[in-house]
Amino acid sequence: MSTKNATLVLFVLALLGVVVPWYFNIAFLLDGGSFAPGPFVAAVSANKLVAGITWDVYIAAAAFSVWLLQDAPAAGVRRPWIYVVLTFGIGLAFSLPLYMAIRGRCDERV
């Protein structure tokens, strides 16, 4: 796959990473759910499977954040902290492919 095609696929995955999870997040909120700490922790601890998936994503998001803060300066990506905010504000499924696409575009400029 060419770099241009890979970048396009990553941007499409970033878009899906917003649309798909947030479809469910909005449905959760419309059903009376809340992102307030108490109700949110109760919801993501509803059963062991949901709790396991939640912790898996949060640990992966933390690892990604540490890595990108180290990687970004060498890769020529400016303002890497924005991707950390996007990771925990919107979601890992959005910020990871977005960062990879932007990083790939920075590699092309070098």
N, C-alpha and C. Protein backbone atom coordinates (compact mmCIF):
# COMPACT_ATOMS: atom_id res chain seq x y z
N MET A 1 0.86 -1.18 0.00
CA MET A 1 0.00 0.00 0.00
C MET A 1 0.91 1.24 0.00
N SER A 2 0.57 2.19 -0.83
CA SER A 2 1.36 3.41 -0.89
C SER A 2 1.14 4.25 0.36
N THR A 3 2.08 5.14 0.62
CA THR A 3 1.96 6.03 1.78
C THR A 3 0.71 6.89 1.67
N LYS A 4 0.41 7.35 0.47
CA LYS A 4 -0.78 8.18 0.26
C LYS A 4 -2.05 7.40 0.58
N ASN A 5 -2.13 6.15 0.12
CA ASN A 5 -3.29 5.31 0.41
C ASN A 5 -3.39 5.00 1.90
N ALA A 6 -2.24 4.71 2.52
CA ALA A 6 -2.25 4.42 3.96
C ALA A 6 -2.74 5.63 4.75
N THR A 7 -2.30 6.82 4.35
CA THR A 7 -2.75 8.04 5.03
C THR A 7 -4.25 8.22 4.88
N LEU A 8 -4.78 7.97 3.70
CA LEU A 8 -6.22 8.07 3.47
C LEU A 8 -6.98 7.07 4.35
N VAL A 9 -6.50 5.83 4.40
CA VAL A 9 -7.14 4.81 5.24
C VAL A 9 -7.12 5.24 6.70
N LEU A 10 -6.01 5.79 7.16
CA LEU A 10 -5.92 6.24 8.55
C LEU A 10 -6.89 7.39 8.83
N PHE A 11 -7.04 8.32 7.90
CA PHE A 11 -8.02 9.40 8.10
C PHE A 11 -9.45 8.84 8.13
N VAL A 12 -9.75 7.86 7.30
CA VAL A 12 -11.08 7.22 7.32
C VAL A 12 -11.29 6.51 8.65
N LEU A 13 -10.28 5.81 9.13
CA LEU A 13 -10.39 5.13 10.43
C LEU A 13 -10.58 6.14 11.56
N ALA A 14 -9.90 7.28 11.48
CA ALA A 14 -10.09 8.33 12.49
C ALA A 14 -11.54 8.82 12.48
N LEU A 15 -12.09 9.02 11.29
CA LEU A 15 -13.48 9.44 11.17
C LEU A 15 -14.41 8.38 11.77
N LEU A 16 -14.18 7.13 11.44
CA LEU A 16 -14.97 6.04 12.04
C LEU A 16 -14.78 5.99 13.55
N GLY A 17 -13.57 6.33 14.00
CA GLY A 17 -13.26 6.35 15.43
C GLY A 17 -14.01 7.41 16.20
N VAL A 18 -14.53 8.40 15.50
CA VAL A 18 -15.42 9.39 16.12
C VAL A 18 -16.86 8.93 16.01
N VAL A 19 -17.27 8.58 14.81
CA VAL A 19 -18.68 8.31 14.53
C VAL A 19 -19.20 7.08 15.27
N VAL A 20 -18.49 5.97 15.18
CA VAL A 20 -19.02 4.73 15.76
C VAL A 20 -19.08 4.79 17.30
N PRO A 21 -17.99 5.08 17.99
CA PRO A 21 -18.11 5.13 19.46
C PRO A 21 -19.08 6.21 19.95
N TRP A 22 -19.06 7.37 19.28
CA TRP A 22 -19.94 8.44 19.76
C TRP A 22 -21.41 8.19 19.42
N TYR A 23 -21.70 7.35 18.47
CA TYR A 23 -23.08 6.91 18.26
C TYR A 23 -23.58 6.22 19.55
N PHE A 24 -22.75 5.34 20.07
CA PHE A 24 -23.12 4.62 21.29
C PHE A 24 -23.07 5.52 22.52
N ASN A 25 -22.10 6.44 22.57
CA ASN A 25 -22.03 7.38 23.70
C ASN A 25 -23.27 8.26 23.76
N ILE A 26 -23.71 8.75 22.62
CA ILE A 26 -24.91 9.60 22.58
C ILE A 26 -26.14 8.78 22.95
N ALA A 27 -26.23 7.55 22.44
CA ALA A 27 -27.35 6.67 22.81
C ALA A 27 -27.36 6.43 24.32
N PHE A 28 -26.18 6.23 24.91
CA PHE A 28 -26.05 6.05 26.35
C PHE A 28 -26.59 7.27 27.10
N LEU A 29 -26.20 8.46 26.64
CA LEU A 29 -26.67 9.68 27.29
C LEU A 29 -28.18 9.87 27.12
N LEU A 30 -28.70 9.56 25.93
CA LEU A 30 -30.14 9.70 25.69
C LEU A 30 -30.96 8.70 26.50
N ASP A 31 -30.35 7.59 26.88
CA ASP A 31 -31.03 6.60 27.73
C ASP A 31 -30.91 6.94 29.21
N GLY A 32 -30.40 8.12 29.52
CA GLY A 32 -30.31 8.55 30.91
C GLY A 32 -28.94 8.36 31.53
N GLY A 33 -27.98 7.93 30.75
CA GLY A 33 -26.62 7.77 31.26
C GLY A 33 -25.96 9.11 31.50
N SER A 34 -24.82 9.07 32.15
CA SER A 34 -24.12 10.31 32.49
C SER A 34 -22.62 10.06 32.47
N PHE A 35 -21.87 11.11 32.12
CA PHE A 35 -20.41 11.04 32.19
C PHE A 35 -19.90 11.56 33.53
N ALA A 36 -20.80 11.92 34.44
CA ALA A 36 -20.39 12.31 35.79
C ALA A 36 -19.69 11.11 36.43
N PRO A 37 -18.68 11.36 37.26
CA PRO A 37 -17.85 10.25 37.77
C PRO A 37 -18.61 9.08 38.39
N GLY A 38 -19.53 9.34 39.27
CA GLY A 38 -20.25 8.24 39.94
C GLY A 38 -21.03 7.36 38.98
N PRO A 39 -21.96 7.93 38.22
CA PRO A 39 -22.72 7.12 37.26
C PRO A 39 -21.85 6.49 36.17
N PHE A 40 -20.84 7.21 35.75
CA PHE A 40 -19.96 6.68 34.70
C PHE A 40 -19.20 5.45 35.19
N VAL A 41 -18.63 5.53 36.38
CA VAL A 41 -17.89 4.38 36.93
C VAL A 41 -18.84 3.19 37.11
N ALA A 42 -20.05 3.47 37.56
CA ALA A 42 -21.03 2.38 37.71
C ALA A 42 -21.33 1.74 36.35
N ALA A 43 -21.48 2.56 35.31
CA ALA A 43 -21.81 2.04 33.98
C ALA A 43 -20.67 1.22 33.40
N VAL A 44 -19.43 1.70 33.55
CA VAL A 44 -18.30 0.98 32.96
C VAL A 44 -17.85 -0.19 33.84
N SER A 45 -18.50 -0.35 34.97
CA SER A 45 -18.25 -1.51 35.83
C SER A 45 -19.46 -2.42 35.90
N ALA A 46 -20.37 -2.28 34.93
CA ALA A 46 -21.63 -3.02 34.94
C ALA A 46 -21.42 -4.52 35.00
N ASN A 47 -20.38 -5.00 34.32
CA ASN A 47 -20.03 -6.42 34.41
C ASN A 47 -18.53 -6.54 34.13
N LYS A 48 -17.99 -7.72 34.32
CA LYS A 48 -16.55 -7.90 34.20
C LYS A 48 -16.06 -7.68 32.76
N LEU A 49 -16.86 -8.03 31.77
CA LEU A 49 -16.46 -7.83 30.38
C LEU A 49 -16.33 -6.34 30.06
N VAL A 50 -17.33 -5.56 30.42
CA VAL A 50 -17.31 -4.11 30.17
C VAL A 50 -16.15 -3.47 30.93
N ALA A 51 -15.96 -3.87 32.17
CA ALA A 51 -14.85 -3.32 32.96
C ALA A 51 -13.51 -3.68 32.33
N GLY A 52 -13.36 -4.91 31.85
CA GLY A 52 -12.12 -5.33 31.22
C GLY A 52 -11.83 -4.54 29.95
N ILE A 53 -12.85 -4.33 29.13
CA ILE A 53 -12.67 -3.55 27.90
C ILE A 53 -12.33 -2.10 28.24
N THR A 54 -13.01 -1.55 29.23
CA THR A 54 -12.75 -0.17 29.64
C THR A 54 -11.31 0.01 30.10
N TRP A 55 -10.85 -0.87 30.98
CA TRP A 55 -9.47 -0.75 31.47
C TRP A 55 -8.46 -1.01 30.36
N ASP A 56 -8.77 -1.92 29.46
CA ASP A 56 -7.89 -2.19 28.33
C ASP A 56 -7.69 -0.91 27.50
N VAL A 57 -8.77 -0.22 27.21
CA VAL A 57 -8.69 1.00 26.40
C VAL A 57 -7.96 2.10 27.16
N TYR A 58 -8.26 2.27 28.45
CA TYR A 58 -7.59 3.34 29.21
C TYR A 58 -6.09 3.09 29.34
N ILE A 59 -5.69 1.85 29.55
CA ILE A 59 -4.27 1.54 29.65
C ILE A 59 -3.59 1.75 28.30
N ALA A 60 -4.23 1.31 27.22
CA ALA A 60 -3.69 1.54 25.88
C ALA A 60 -3.60 3.04 25.58
N ALA A 61 -4.60 3.81 26.00
CA ALA A 61 -4.59 5.27 25.78
C ALA A 61 -3.44 5.92 26.55
N ALA A 62 -3.19 5.47 27.76
CA ALA A 62 -2.07 6.01 28.54
C ALA A 62 -0.75 5.67 27.88
N ALA A 63 -0.59 4.43 27.43
CA ALA A 63 0.65 4.01 26.76
C ALA A 63 0.85 4.81 25.46
N PHE A 64 -0.21 4.98 24.69
CA PHE A 64 -0.13 5.76 23.46
C PHE A 64 0.29 7.20 23.77
N SER A 65 -0.27 7.77 24.82
CA SER A 65 0.05 9.15 25.19
C SER A 65 1.51 9.31 25.55
N VAL A 66 2.04 8.40 26.34
CA VAL A 66 3.46 8.46 26.71
C VAL A 66 4.32 8.33 25.46
N TRP A 67 3.99 7.36 24.61
CA TRP A 67 4.77 7.14 23.39
C TRP A 67 4.74 8.35 22.47
N LEU A 68 3.55 8.91 22.22
CA LEU A 68 3.46 10.00 21.27
C LEU A 68 4.17 11.24 21.77
N LEU A 69 4.16 11.49 23.07
CA LEU A 69 4.88 12.65 23.60
C LEU A 69 6.39 12.50 23.40
N GLN A 70 6.88 11.27 23.37
CA GLN A 70 8.29 11.02 23.07
C GLN A 70 8.55 11.03 21.57
N ASP A 71 7.61 10.53 20.80
CA ASP A 71 7.78 10.36 19.35
C ASP A 71 7.61 11.65 18.56
N ALA A 72 6.66 12.46 18.95
CA ALA A 72 6.26 13.63 18.15
C ALA A 72 7.40 14.59 17.81
N PRO A 73 8.24 14.96 18.78
CA PRO A 73 9.30 15.92 18.41
C PRO A 73 10.23 15.38 17.31
N ALA A 74 10.62 14.12 17.42
CA ALA A 74 11.51 13.53 16.41
C ALA A 74 10.80 13.36 15.07
N ALA A 75 9.48 13.16 15.10
CA ALA A 75 8.71 12.96 13.87
C ALA A 75 8.30 14.29 13.23
N GLY A 76 8.52 15.39 13.92
CA GLY A 76 8.15 16.69 13.37
C GLY A 76 6.69 17.05 13.56
N VAL A 77 6.01 16.36 14.47
CA VAL A 77 4.61 16.66 14.75
C VAL A 77 4.56 17.74 15.83
N ARG A 78 3.91 18.84 15.52
CA ARG A 78 3.81 19.94 16.47
C ARG A 78 2.62 19.75 17.40
N ARG A 79 2.72 20.31 18.58
CA ARG A 79 1.66 20.31 19.60
C ARG A 79 1.14 18.90 19.91
N PRO A 80 2.01 17.99 20.30
CA PRO A 80 1.56 16.62 20.56
C PRO A 80 0.57 16.51 21.71
N TRP A 81 0.56 17.46 22.61
CA TRP A 81 -0.38 17.43 23.74
C TRP A 81 -1.83 17.43 23.25
N ILE A 82 -2.06 17.99 22.06
CA ILE A 82 -3.43 18.01 21.51
C ILE A 82 -3.94 16.57 21.34
N TYR A 83 -3.07 15.66 20.92
CA TYR A 83 -3.49 14.27 20.71
C TYR A 83 -3.80 13.57 22.03
N VAL A 84 -3.10 13.97 23.09
CA VAL A 84 -3.42 13.42 24.42
C VAL A 84 -4.81 13.89 24.83
N VAL A 85 -5.10 15.17 24.63
CA VAL A 85 -6.43 15.71 24.96
C VAL A 85 -7.50 15.00 24.12
N LEU A 86 -7.24 14.82 22.83
CA LEU A 86 -8.20 14.13 21.97
C LEU A 86 -8.40 12.68 22.40
N THR A 87 -7.33 12.04 22.86
CA THR A 87 -7.41 10.64 23.30
C THR A 87 -8.39 10.49 24.45
N PHE A 88 -8.26 11.36 25.45
CA PHE A 88 -9.11 11.22 26.63
C PHE A 88 -10.41 12.02 26.53
N GLY A 89 -10.48 12.94 25.57
CA GLY A 89 -11.70 13.72 25.40
C GLY A 89 -12.66 13.15 24.37
N ILE A 90 -12.10 12.56 23.31
CA ILE A 90 -12.94 11.99 22.25
C ILE A 90 -12.79 10.48 22.21
N GLY A 91 -11.56 10.00 22.14
CA GLY A 91 -11.35 8.56 22.17
C GLY A 91 -10.08 8.13 21.47
N LEU A 92 -9.55 7.03 21.91
CA LEU A 92 -8.35 6.44 21.34
C LEU A 92 -8.57 6.03 19.88
N ALA A 93 -9.76 5.54 19.57
CA ALA A 93 -10.06 5.09 18.20
C ALA A 93 -10.03 6.25 17.21
N PHE A 94 -10.12 7.48 17.70
CA PHE A 94 -10.00 8.66 16.87
C PHE A 94 -8.56 9.19 16.85
N SER A 95 -7.99 9.39 18.03
CA SER A 95 -6.69 10.06 18.11
C SER A 95 -5.53 9.22 17.58
N LEU A 96 -5.57 7.91 17.77
CA LEU A 96 -4.46 7.07 17.30
C LEU A 96 -4.34 7.07 15.78
N PRO A 97 -5.38 6.77 15.01
CA PRO A 97 -5.20 6.83 13.56
C PRO A 97 -4.96 8.26 13.06
N LEU A 98 -5.54 9.25 13.72
CA LEU A 98 -5.29 10.64 13.33
C LEU A 98 -3.81 10.98 13.50
N TYR A 99 -3.24 10.64 14.65
CA TYR A 99 -1.82 10.90 14.89
C TYR A 99 -0.96 10.16 13.87
N MET A 100 -1.28 8.92 13.61
CA MET A 100 -0.50 8.14 12.64
C MET A 100 -0.56 8.77 11.25
N ALA A 101 -1.72 9.26 10.85
CA ALA A 101 -1.86 9.91 9.54
C ALA A 101 -1.05 11.20 9.49
N ILE A 102 -1.17 12.02 10.52
CA ILE A 102 -0.42 13.28 10.57
C ILE A 102 1.08 13.00 10.62
N ARG A 103 1.46 12.02 11.40
CA ARG A 103 2.88 11.66 11.51
C ARG A 103 3.41 11.20 10.15
N GLY A 104 2.62 10.42 9.43
CA GLY A 104 3.02 9.96 8.11
C GLY A 104 3.18 11.12 7.14
N ARG A 105 2.30 12.10 7.24
CA ARG A 105 2.42 13.28 6.38
C ARG A 105 3.69 14.06 6.72
N CYS A 106 4.05 14.11 8.01
CA CYS A 106 5.29 14.79 8.42
C CYS A 106 6.49 14.04 7.87
N ASP A 107 6.42 12.71 7.86
CA ASP A 107 7.52 11.90 7.31
C ASP A 107 7.72 12.18 5.83
N GLU A 108 6.61 12.41 5.11
CA GLU A 108 6.69 12.68 3.67
C GLU A 108 7.39 13.99 3.39
N ARG A 109 7.27 14.95 4.29
CA ARG A 109 7.88 16.28 4.08
C ARG A 109 9.39 16.26 4.28
N VAL A 110 9.87 15.27 5.03
CA VAL A 110 11.31 15.22 5.34
C VAL A 110 12.12 14.76 4.17
